[in-house]
Amino acid sequence: KSNSEISLLAVIFTQLGDSLATIAATNEICCTQKDM
């Protein structure tokens, strides 16, 4: 792959990871609040 393609893949996977982290944190907070 070209450097441009690699860069695009990198930002896509970074966003994917950040989105998953946001979902996990939100679930943790919401579930904890609901449990409380």
Full PDB file with SEQRES, HELIX, SHEET, SSBOND, CRYST1, ORIGX, SCALE, CONECT and MASTER records, all heavy atoms in Angstrom:
SEQRES   1 A   36  LYS SER ASN SER GLU ILE SER LEU LEU ALA VAL ILE PHE          
SEQRES   2 A   36  THR GLN LEU GLY ASP SER LEU ALA THR ILE ALA ALA THR          
SEQRES   3 A   36  ASN GLU ILE CYS CYS THR GLN LYS ASP MET                      
HELIX    1 AA1 ASN A    3  ASP A   35  1                                  33    
CRYST1    1.000    1.000    1.000  90.00  90.00  90.00 P 1           1          
ORIGX1      1.000000  0.000000  0.000000        0.00000                         
ORIGX2      0.000000  1.000000  0.000000        0.00000                         
ORIGX3      0.000000  0.000000  1.000000        0.00000                         
SCALE1      1.000000  0.000000  0.000000        0.00000                         
SCALE2      0.000000  1.000000  0.000000        0.00000                         
SCALE3      0.000000  0.000000  1.000000        0.00000                         
ATOM      1  N   LYS A   1       0.839  -1.191   0.000  1.00  0.00           N  
ATOM      2  CA  LYS A   1       0.000   0.000   0.000  1.00  0.00           C  
ATOM      3  C   LYS A   1       0.883   1.253   0.000  1.00  0.00           C  
ATOM      4  O   LYS A   1       2.000   1.237   0.489  1.00  0.00           O  
ATOM      5  CB  LYS A   1      -0.911   0.001   1.223  1.00  0.00           C  
ATOM      6  CG  LYS A   1      -1.861  -1.187   1.211  1.00  0.00           C  
ATOM      7  CD  LYS A   1      -3.026  -1.011   2.112  1.00  0.00           C  
ATOM      8  CE  LYS A   1      -4.038  -2.113   1.994  1.00  0.00           C  
ATOM      9  NZ  LYS A   1      -3.562  -3.462   1.857  1.00  0.00           N  
ATOM     10  N   SER A   2       0.347   2.333  -0.541  1.00  0.00           N  
ATOM     11  CA  SER A   2       1.082   3.602  -0.543  1.00  0.00           C  
ATOM     12  C   SER A   2       1.041   4.217   0.856  1.00  0.00           C  
ATOM     13  O   SER A   2       0.227   3.828   1.702  1.00  0.00           O  
ATOM     14  CB  SER A   2       0.453   4.570  -1.546  1.00  0.00           C  
ATOM     15  OG  SER A   2      -0.828   4.981  -1.084  1.00  0.00           O  
ATOM     16  N   ASN A   3       1.902   5.199   1.089  1.00  0.00           N  
ATOM     17  CA  ASN A   3       1.902   5.894   2.372  1.00  0.00           C  
ATOM     18  C   ASN A   3       0.556   6.569   2.630  1.00  0.00           C  
ATOM     19  O   ASN A   3       0.087   6.610   3.769  1.00  0.00           O  
ATOM     20  CB  ASN A   3       3.028   6.926   2.444  1.00  0.00           C  
ATOM     21  CG  ASN A   3       4.372   6.264   2.676  1.00  0.00           C  
ATOM     22  OD1 ASN A   3       4.445   5.156   3.197  1.00  0.00           O  
ATOM     23  ND2 ASN A   3       5.435   6.946   2.292  1.00  0.00           N  
ATOM     24  N   SER A   4      -0.064   7.091   1.575  1.00  0.00           N  
ATOM     25  CA  SER A   4      -1.378   7.721   1.727  1.00  0.00           C  
ATOM     26  C   SER A   4      -2.418   6.704   2.166  1.00  0.00           C  
ATOM     27  O   SER A   4      -3.254   6.977   3.042  1.00  0.00           O  
ATOM     28  CB  SER A   4      -1.824   8.366   0.418  1.00  0.00           C  
ATOM     29  OG  SER A   4      -0.978   9.423   0.076  1.00  0.00           O  
ATOM     30  N   GLU A   5      -2.396   5.519   1.574  1.00  0.00           N  
ATOM     31  CA  GLU A   5      -3.342   4.473   1.955  1.00  0.00           C  
ATOM     32  C   GLU A   5      -3.101   4.014   3.397  1.00  0.00           C  
ATOM     33  O   GLU A   5      -4.058   3.814   4.158  1.00  0.00           O  
ATOM     34  CB  GLU A   5      -3.234   3.284   1.005  1.00  0.00           C  
ATOM     35  CG  GLU A   5      -3.728   3.582  -0.403  1.00  0.00           C  
ATOM     36  CD  GLU A   5      -3.400   2.476  -1.392  1.00  0.00           C  
ATOM     37  OE1 GLU A   5      -2.286   1.905  -1.332  1.00  0.00           O  
ATOM     38  OE2 GLU A   5      -4.278   2.181  -2.233  1.00  0.00           O  
ATOM     39  N   ILE A   6      -1.839   3.881   3.757  1.00  0.00           N  
ATOM     40  CA  ILE A   6      -1.499   3.469   5.127  1.00  0.00           C  
ATOM     41  C   ILE A   6      -1.963   4.531   6.119  1.00  0.00           C  
ATOM     42  O   ILE A   6      -2.529   4.211   7.168  1.00  0.00           O  
ATOM     43  CB  ILE A   6       0.009   3.205   5.268  1.00  0.00           C  
ATOM     44  CG1 ILE A   6       0.411   2.001   4.409  1.00  0.00           C  
ATOM     45  CG2 ILE A   6       0.389   2.966   6.730  1.00  0.00           C  
ATOM     46  CD1 ILE A   6       1.913   1.829   4.253  1.00  0.00           C  
ATOM     47  N   SER A   7      -1.756   5.789   5.783  1.00  0.00           N  
ATOM     48  CA  SER A   7      -2.196   6.878   6.667  1.00  0.00           C  
ATOM     49  C   SER A   7      -3.711   6.864   6.846  1.00  0.00           C  
ATOM     50  O   SER A   7      -4.223   7.056   7.955  1.00  0.00           O  
ATOM     51  CB  SER A   7      -1.763   8.233   6.111  1.00  0.00           C  
ATOM     52  OG  SER A   7      -0.373   8.354   6.145  1.00  0.00           O  
ATOM     53  N   LEU A   8      -4.421   6.656   5.759  1.00  0.00           N  
ATOM     54  CA  LEU A   8      -5.878   6.596   5.841  1.00  0.00           C  
ATOM     55  C   LEU A   8      -6.322   5.430   6.720  1.00  0.00           C  
ATOM     56  O   LEU A   8      -7.196   5.581   7.581  1.00  0.00           O  
ATOM     57  CB  LEU A   8      -6.499   6.479   4.450  1.00  0.00           C  
ATOM     58  CG  LEU A   8      -8.018   6.373   4.403  1.00  0.00           C  
ATOM     59  CD1 LEU A   8      -8.679   7.599   5.034  1.00  0.00           C  
ATOM     60  CD2 LEU A   8      -8.490   6.185   2.964  1.00  0.00           C  
ATOM     61  N   LEU A   9      -5.717   4.272   6.533  1.00  0.00           N  
ATOM     62  CA  LEU A   9      -6.053   3.115   7.365  1.00  0.00           C  
ATOM     63  C   LEU A   9      -5.746   3.394   8.829  1.00  0.00           C  
ATOM     64  O   LEU A   9      -6.525   3.021   9.725  1.00  0.00           O  
ATOM     65  CB  LEU A   9      -5.303   1.872   6.891  1.00  0.00           C  
ATOM     66  CG  LEU A   9      -5.789   1.269   5.576  1.00  0.00           C  
ATOM     67  CD1 LEU A   9      -4.804   0.225   5.074  1.00  0.00           C  
ATOM     68  CD2 LEU A   9      -7.177   0.663   5.757  1.00  0.00           C  
ATOM     69  N   ALA A  10      -4.638   4.084   9.084  1.00  0.00           N  
ATOM     70  CA  ALA A  10      -4.255   4.398  10.462  1.00  0.00           C  
ATOM     71  C   ALA A  10      -5.308   5.270  11.142  1.00  0.00           C  
ATOM     72  O   ALA A  10      -5.707   5.000  12.282  1.00  0.00           O  
ATOM     73  CB  ALA A  10      -2.895   5.088  10.498  1.00  0.00           C  
ATOM     74  N   VAL A  11      -5.775   6.307  10.453  1.00  0.00           N  
ATOM     75  CA  VAL A  11      -6.777   7.172  11.090  1.00  0.00           C  
ATOM     76  C   VAL A  11      -8.118   6.458  11.235  1.00  0.00           C  
ATOM     77  O   VAL A  11      -8.842   6.686  12.208  1.00  0.00           O  
ATOM     78  CB  VAL A  11      -6.943   8.534  10.362  1.00  0.00           C  
ATOM     79  CG1 VAL A  11      -5.654   9.326  10.404  1.00  0.00           C  
ATOM     80  CG2 VAL A  11      -7.431   8.377   8.948  1.00  0.00           C  
ATOM     81  N   ILE A  12      -8.442   5.575  10.303  1.00  0.00           N  
ATOM     82  CA  ILE A  12      -9.682   4.803  10.417  1.00  0.00           C  
ATOM     83  C   ILE A  12      -9.622   3.892  11.639  1.00  0.00           C  
ATOM     84  O   ILE A  12     -10.557   3.840  12.443  1.00  0.00           O  
ATOM     85  CB  ILE A  12      -9.950   3.990   9.128  1.00  0.00           C  
ATOM     86  CG1 ILE A  12     -10.354   4.937   7.992  1.00  0.00           C  
ATOM     87  CG2 ILE A  12     -11.025   2.919   9.369  1.00  0.00           C  
ATOM     88  CD1 ILE A  12     -10.391   4.275   6.624  1.00  0.00           C  
ATOM     89  N   PHE A  13      -8.502   3.173  11.805  1.00  0.00           N  
ATOM     90  CA  PHE A  13      -8.385   2.272  12.948  1.00  0.00           C  
ATOM     91  C   PHE A  13      -8.271   3.036  14.262  1.00  0.00           C  
ATOM     92  O   PHE A  13      -8.757   2.565  15.306  1.00  0.00           O  
ATOM     93  CB  PHE A  13      -7.211   1.302  12.766  1.00  0.00           C  
ATOM     94  CG  PHE A  13      -7.501   0.212  11.762  1.00  0.00           C  
ATOM     95  CD1 PHE A  13      -6.728   0.079  10.621  1.00  0.00           C  
ATOM     96  CD2 PHE A  13      -8.552  -0.670  11.950  1.00  0.00           C  
ATOM     97  CE1 PHE A  13      -7.000  -0.927   9.690  1.00  0.00           C  
ATOM     98  CE2 PHE A  13      -8.831  -1.680  11.025  1.00  0.00           C  
ATOM     99  CZ  PHE A  13      -8.046  -1.802   9.897  1.00  0.00           C  
ATOM    100  N   THR A  14      -7.666   4.221  14.227  1.00  0.00           N  
ATOM    101  CA  THR A  14      -7.615   5.051  15.430  1.00  0.00           C  
ATOM    102  C   THR A  14      -9.016   5.479  15.825  1.00  0.00           C  
ATOM    103  O   THR A  14      -9.401   5.405  16.998  1.00  0.00           O  
ATOM    104  CB  THR A  14      -6.719   6.283  15.211  1.00  0.00           C  
ATOM    105  OG1 THR A  14      -5.389   5.838  14.950  1.00  0.00           O  
ATOM    106  CG2 THR A  14      -6.724   7.204  16.412  1.00  0.00           C  
ATOM    107  N   GLN A  15      -9.802   5.923  14.851  1.00  0.00           N  
ATOM    108  CA  GLN A  15     -11.177   6.324  15.141  1.00  0.00           C  
ATOM    109  C   GLN A  15     -11.983   5.134  15.648  1.00  0.00           C  
ATOM    110  O   GLN A  15     -12.788   5.271  16.584  1.00  0.00           O  
ATOM    111  CB  GLN A  15     -11.857   6.929  13.925  1.00  0.00           C  
ATOM    112  CG  GLN A  15     -13.273   7.398  14.224  1.00  0.00           C  
ATOM    113  CD  GLN A  15     -13.965   8.032  13.032  1.00  0.00           C  
ATOM    114  OE1 GLN A  15     -13.353   8.262  11.997  1.00  0.00           O  
ATOM    115  NE2 GLN A  15     -15.240   8.300  13.178  1.00  0.00           N  
ATOM    116  N   LEU A  16     -11.778   3.967  15.043  1.00  0.00           N  
ATOM    117  CA  LEU A  16     -12.468   2.760  15.493  1.00  0.00           C  
ATOM    118  C   LEU A  16     -12.143   2.484  16.959  1.00  0.00           C  
ATOM    119  O   LEU A  16     -13.046   2.232  17.774  1.00  0.00           O  
ATOM    120  CB  LEU A  16     -12.076   1.567  14.619  1.00  0.00           C  
ATOM    121  CG  LEU A  16     -12.613   0.195  15.041  1.00  0.00           C  
ATOM    122  CD1 LEU A  16     -14.139   0.167  14.953  1.00  0.00           C  
ATOM    123  CD2 LEU A  16     -12.011  -0.892  14.172  1.00  0.00           C  
ATOM    124  N   GLY A  17     -10.862   2.538  17.303  1.00  0.00           N  
ATOM    125  CA  GLY A  17     -10.454   2.296  18.688  1.00  0.00           C  
ATOM    126  C   GLY A  17     -11.038   3.320  19.646  1.00  0.00           C  
ATOM    127  O   GLY A  17     -11.511   2.976  20.741  1.00  0.00           O  
ATOM    128  N   ASP A  18     -11.009   4.590  19.241  1.00  0.00           N  
ATOM    129  CA  ASP A  18     -11.572   5.642  20.085  1.00  0.00           C  
ATOM    130  C   ASP A  18     -13.078   5.462  20.255  1.00  0.00           C  
ATOM    131  O   ASP A  18     -13.615   5.662  21.352  1.00  0.00           O  
ATOM    132  CB  ASP A  18     -11.278   7.023  19.499  1.00  0.00           C  
ATOM    133  CG  ASP A  18      -9.805   7.405  19.592  1.00  0.00           C  
ATOM    134  OD1 ASP A  18      -9.056   6.746  20.341  1.00  0.00           O  
ATOM    135  OD2 ASP A  18      -9.410   8.375  18.911  1.00  0.00           O  
ATOM    136  N   SER A  19     -13.756   5.088  19.196  1.00  0.00           N  
ATOM    137  CA  SER A  19     -15.205   4.868  19.279  1.00  0.00           C  
ATOM    138  C   SER A  19     -15.525   3.696  20.196  1.00  0.00           C  
ATOM    139  O   SER A  19     -16.465   3.761  21.005  1.00  0.00           O  
ATOM    140  CB  SER A  19     -15.793   4.619  17.886  1.00  0.00           C  
ATOM    141  OG  SER A  19     -15.665   5.778  17.094  1.00  0.00           O  
ATOM    142  N   LEU A  20     -14.753   2.622  20.090  1.00  0.00           N  
ATOM    143  CA  LEU A  20     -14.965   1.479  20.981  1.00  0.00           C  
ATOM    144  C   LEU A  20     -14.706   1.863  22.436  1.00  0.00           C  
ATOM    145  O   LEU A  20     -15.452   1.447  23.341  1.00  0.00           O  
ATOM    146  CB  LEU A  20     -14.066   0.311  20.569  1.00  0.00           C  
ATOM    147  CG  LEU A  20     -14.457  -0.388  19.272  1.00  0.00           C  
ATOM    148  CD1 LEU A  20     -13.360  -1.363  18.842  1.00  0.00           C  
ATOM    149  CD2 LEU A  20     -15.789  -1.101  19.407  1.00  0.00           C  
ATOM    150  N   ALA A  21     -13.670   2.661  22.680  1.00  0.00           N  
ATOM    151  CA  ALA A  21     -13.381   3.116  24.040  1.00  0.00           C  
ATOM    152  C   ALA A  21     -14.512   3.983  24.581  1.00  0.00           C  
ATOM    153  O   ALA A  21     -14.893   3.876  25.758  1.00  0.00           O  
ATOM    154  CB  ALA A  21     -12.062   3.883  24.074  1.00  0.00           C  
ATOM    155  N   THR A  22     -15.077   4.832  23.731  1.00  0.00           N  
ATOM    156  CA  THR A  22     -16.199   5.679  24.136  1.00  0.00           C  
ATOM    157  C   THR A  22     -17.410   4.831  24.483  1.00  0.00           C  
ATOM    158  O   THR A  22     -18.083   5.063  25.501  1.00  0.00           O  
ATOM    159  CB  THR A  22     -16.553   6.679  23.017  1.00  0.00           C  
ATOM    160  OG1 THR A  22     -15.421   7.495  22.744  1.00  0.00           O  
ATOM    161  CG2 THR A  22     -17.736   7.546  23.398  1.00  0.00           C  
ATOM    162  N   ILE A  23     -17.694   3.838  23.659  1.00  0.00           N  
ATOM    163  CA  ILE A  23     -18.831   2.943  23.920  1.00  0.00           C  
ATOM    164  C   ILE A  23     -18.627   2.192  25.234  1.00  0.00           C  
ATOM    165  O   ILE A  23     -19.538   2.108  26.063  1.00  0.00           O  
ATOM    166  CB  ILE A  23     -19.035   1.963  22.742  1.00  0.00           C  
ATOM    167  CG1 ILE A  23     -19.511   2.726  21.500  1.00  0.00           C  
ATOM    168  CG2 ILE A  23     -20.013   0.844  23.120  1.00  0.00           C  
ATOM    169  CD1 ILE A  23     -19.427   1.925  20.212  1.00  0.00           C  
ATOM    170  N   ALA A  24     -17.432   1.658  25.446  1.00  0.00           N  
ATOM    171  CA  ALA A  24     -17.151   0.909  26.673  1.00  0.00           C  
ATOM    172  C   ALA A  24     -17.283   1.800  27.901  1.00  0.00           C  
ATOM    173  O   ALA A  24     -17.888   1.399  28.905  1.00  0.00           O  
ATOM    174  CB  ALA A  24     -15.753   0.291  26.610  1.00  0.00           C  
ATOM    175  N   ALA A  25     -16.743   3.018  27.835  1.00  0.00           N  
ATOM    176  CA  ALA A  25     -16.826   3.939  28.971  1.00  0.00           C  
ATOM    177  C   ALA A  25     -18.270   4.338  29.239  1.00  0.00           C  
ATOM    178  O   ALA A  25     -18.714   4.390  30.398  1.00  0.00           O  
ATOM    179  CB  ALA A  25     -15.970   5.173  28.714  1.00  0.00           C  
ATOM    180  N   THR A  26     -19.022   4.610  28.186  1.00  0.00           N  
ATOM    181  CA  THR A  26     -20.428   4.990  28.343  1.00  0.00           C  
ATOM    182  C   THR A  26     -21.228   3.841  28.948  1.00  0.00           C  
ATOM    183  O   THR A  26     -22.035   4.047  29.863  1.00  0.00           O  
ATOM    184  CB  THR A  26     -21.031   5.392  26.983  1.00  0.00           C  
ATOM    185  OG1 THR A  26     -20.263   6.473  26.442  1.00  0.00           O  
ATOM    186  CG2 THR A  26     -22.478   5.817  27.116  1.00  0.00           C  
ATOM    187  N   ASN A  27     -21.002   2.636  28.453  1.00  0.00           N  
ATOM    188  CA  ASN A  27     -21.688   1.472  29.010  1.00  0.00           C  
ATOM    189  C   ASN A  27     -21.343   1.287  30.485  1.00  0.00           C  
ATOM    190  O   ASN A  27     -22.214   0.974  31.296  1.00  0.00           O  
ATOM    191  CB  ASN A  27     -21.334   0.198  28.239  1.00  0.00           C  
ATOM    192  CG  ASN A  27     -21.975   0.148  26.877  1.00  0.00           C  
ATOM    193  OD1 ASN A  27     -22.920   0.872  26.595  1.00  0.00           O  
ATOM    194  ND2 ASN A  27     -21.458  -0.703  26.009  1.00  0.00           N  
ATOM    195  N   GLU A  28     -20.082   1.487  30.819  1.00  0.00           N  
ATOM    196  CA  GLU A  28     -19.647   1.330  32.209  1.00  0.00           C  
ATOM    197  C   GLU A  28     -20.348   2.339  33.108  1.00  0.00           C  
ATOM    198  O   GLU A  28     -20.866   1.997  34.159  1.00  0.00           O  
ATOM    199  CB  GLU A  28     -18.136   1.509  32.314  1.00  0.00           C  
ATOM    200  CG  GLU A  28     -17.609   1.469  33.712  1.00  0.00           C  
ATOM    201  CD  GLU A  28     -16.852   0.208  34.017  1.00  0.00           C  
ATOM    202  OE1 GLU A  28     -16.581  -0.565  33.086  1.00  0.00           O  
ATOM    203  OE2 GLU A  28     -16.535   0.020  35.184  1.00  0.00           O  
ATOM    204  N   ILE A  29     -20.395   3.582  32.674  1.00  0.00           N  
ATOM    205  CA  ILE A  29     -21.024   4.633  33.471  1.00  0.00           C  
ATOM    206  C   ILE A  29     -22.526   4.398  33.562  1.00  0.00           C  
ATOM    207  O   ILE A  29     -23.106   4.457  34.649  1.00  0.00           O  
ATOM    208  CB  ILE A  29     -20.718   6.024  32.882  1.00  0.00           C  
ATOM    209  CG1 ILE A  29     -19.234   6.343  33.076  1.00  0.00           C  
ATOM    210  CG2 ILE A  29     -21.598   7.103  33.506  1.00  0.00           C  
ATOM    211  CD1 ILE A  29     -18.759   7.545  32.283  1.00  0.00           C  
ATOM    212  N   CYS A  30     -23.159   4.120  32.432  1.00  0.00           N  
ATOM    213  CA  CYS A  30     -24.613   3.914  32.432  1.00  0.00           C  
ATOM    214  C   CYS A  30     -25.001   2.688  33.234  1.00  0.00           C  
ATOM    215  O   CYS A  30     -25.961   2.733  34.009  1.00  0.00           O  
ATOM    216  CB  CYS A  30     -25.135   3.785  31.005  1.00  0.00           C  
ATOM    217  SG  CYS A  30     -25.070   5.335  30.108  1.00  0.00           S  
ATOM    218  N   CYS A  31     -24.288   1.604  33.057  1.00  0.00           N  
ATOM    219  CA  CYS A  31     -24.601   0.373  33.796  1.00  0.00           C  
ATOM    220  C   CYS A  31     -24.378   0.575  35.280  1.00  0.00           C  
ATOM    221  O   CYS A  31     -25.180   0.130  36.092  1.00  0.00           O  
ATOM    222  CB  CYS A  31     -23.766  -0.799  33.292  1.00  0.00           C  
ATOM    223  SG  CYS A  31     -24.226  -1.308  31.624  1.00  0.00           S  
ATOM    224  N   THR A  32     -23.323   1.275  35.650  1.00  0.00           N  
ATOM    225  CA  THR A  32     -23.034   1.527  37.055  1.00  0.00           C  
ATOM    226  C   THR A  32     -24.131   2.394  37.656  1.00  0.00           C  
ATOM    227  O   THR A  32     -24.618   2.122  38.746  1.00  0.00           O  
ATOM    228  CB  THR A  32     -21.664   2.221  37.209  1.00  0.00           C  
ATOM    229  OG1 THR A  32     -20.663   1.368  36.643  1.00  0.00           O  
ATOM    230  CG2 THR A  32     -21.328   2.488  38.656  1.00  0.00           C  
ATOM    231  N   GLN A  33     -24.559   3.431  36.933  1.00  0.00           N  
ATOM    232  CA  GLN A  33     -25.625   4.291  37.437  1.00  0.00           C  
ATOM    233  C   GLN A  33     -26.939   3.529  37.559  1.00  0.00           C  
ATOM    234  O   GLN A  33     -27.649   3.666  38.551  1.00  0.00           O  
ATOM    235  CB  GLN A  33     -25.806   5.505  36.519  1.00  0.00           C  
ATOM    236  CG  GLN A  33     -24.685   6.517  36.654  1.00  0.00           C  
ATOM    237  CD  GLN A  33     -24.839   7.694  35.695  1.00  0.00           C  
ATOM    238  OE1 GLN A  33     -25.664   7.659  34.793  1.00  0.00           O  
ATOM    239  NE2 GLN A  33     -24.028   8.714  35.895  1.00  0.00           N  
ATOM    240  N   LYS A  34     -27.265   2.703  36.572  1.00  0.00           N  
ATOM    241  CA  LYS A  34     -28.496   1.911  36.627  1.00  0.00           C  
ATOM    242  C   LYS A  34     -28.451   0.933  37.790  1.00  0.00           C  
ATOM    243  O   LYS A  34     -29.440   0.746  38.494  1.00  0.00           O  
ATOM    244  CB  LYS A  34     -28.719   1.166  35.314  1.00  0.00           C  
ATOM    245  CG  LYS A  34     -29.180   2.050  34.186  1.00  0.00           C  
ATOM    246  CD  LYS A  34     -29.360   1.257  32.904  1.00  0.00           C  
ATOM    247  CE  LYS A  34     -29.685   2.176  31.740  1.00  0.00           C  
ATOM    248  NZ  LYS A  34     -29.732   1.456  30.468  1.00  0.00           N  
ATOM    249  N   ASP A  35     -27.278   0.290  37.982  1.00  0.00           N  
ATOM    250  CA  ASP A  35     -27.141  -0.643  39.098  1.00  0.00           C  
ATOM    251  C   ASP A  35     -27.332   0.073  40.429  1.00  0.00           C  
ATOM    252  O   ASP A  35     -28.000  -0.430  41.327  1.00  0.00           O  
ATOM    253  CB  ASP A  35     -25.768  -1.329  39.072  1.00  0.00           C  
ATOM    254  CG  ASP A  35     -25.627  -2.310  37.926  1.00  0.00           C  
ATOM    255  OD1 ASP A  35     -26.663  -2.723  37.357  1.00  0.00           O  
ATOM    256  OD2 ASP A  35     -24.477  -2.661  37.595  1.00  0.00           O  
ATOM    257  N   MET A  36     -26.751   1.284  40.556  1.00  0.00           N  
ATOM    258  CA  MET A  36     -26.892   2.052  41.784  1.00  0.00           C  
ATOM    259  C   MET A  36     -28.345   2.456  42.003  1.00  0.00           C  
ATOM    260  O   MET A  36     -28.860   2.362  43.114  1.00  0.00           O  
ATOM    261  CB  MET A  36     -25.983   3.286  41.749  1.00  0.00           C  
ATOM    262  CG  MET A  36     -24.506   2.950  41.885  1.00  0.00           C  
ATOM    263  SD  MET A  36     -23.390   4.359  41.664  1.00  0.00           S  
ATOM    264  CE  MET A  36     -24.049   5.576  42.756  1.00  0.00           C  
TER     265      MET A  36                                                      
MASTER        0    0    0    1    0    0    0    6  264    1    0    3          
END                                                                             
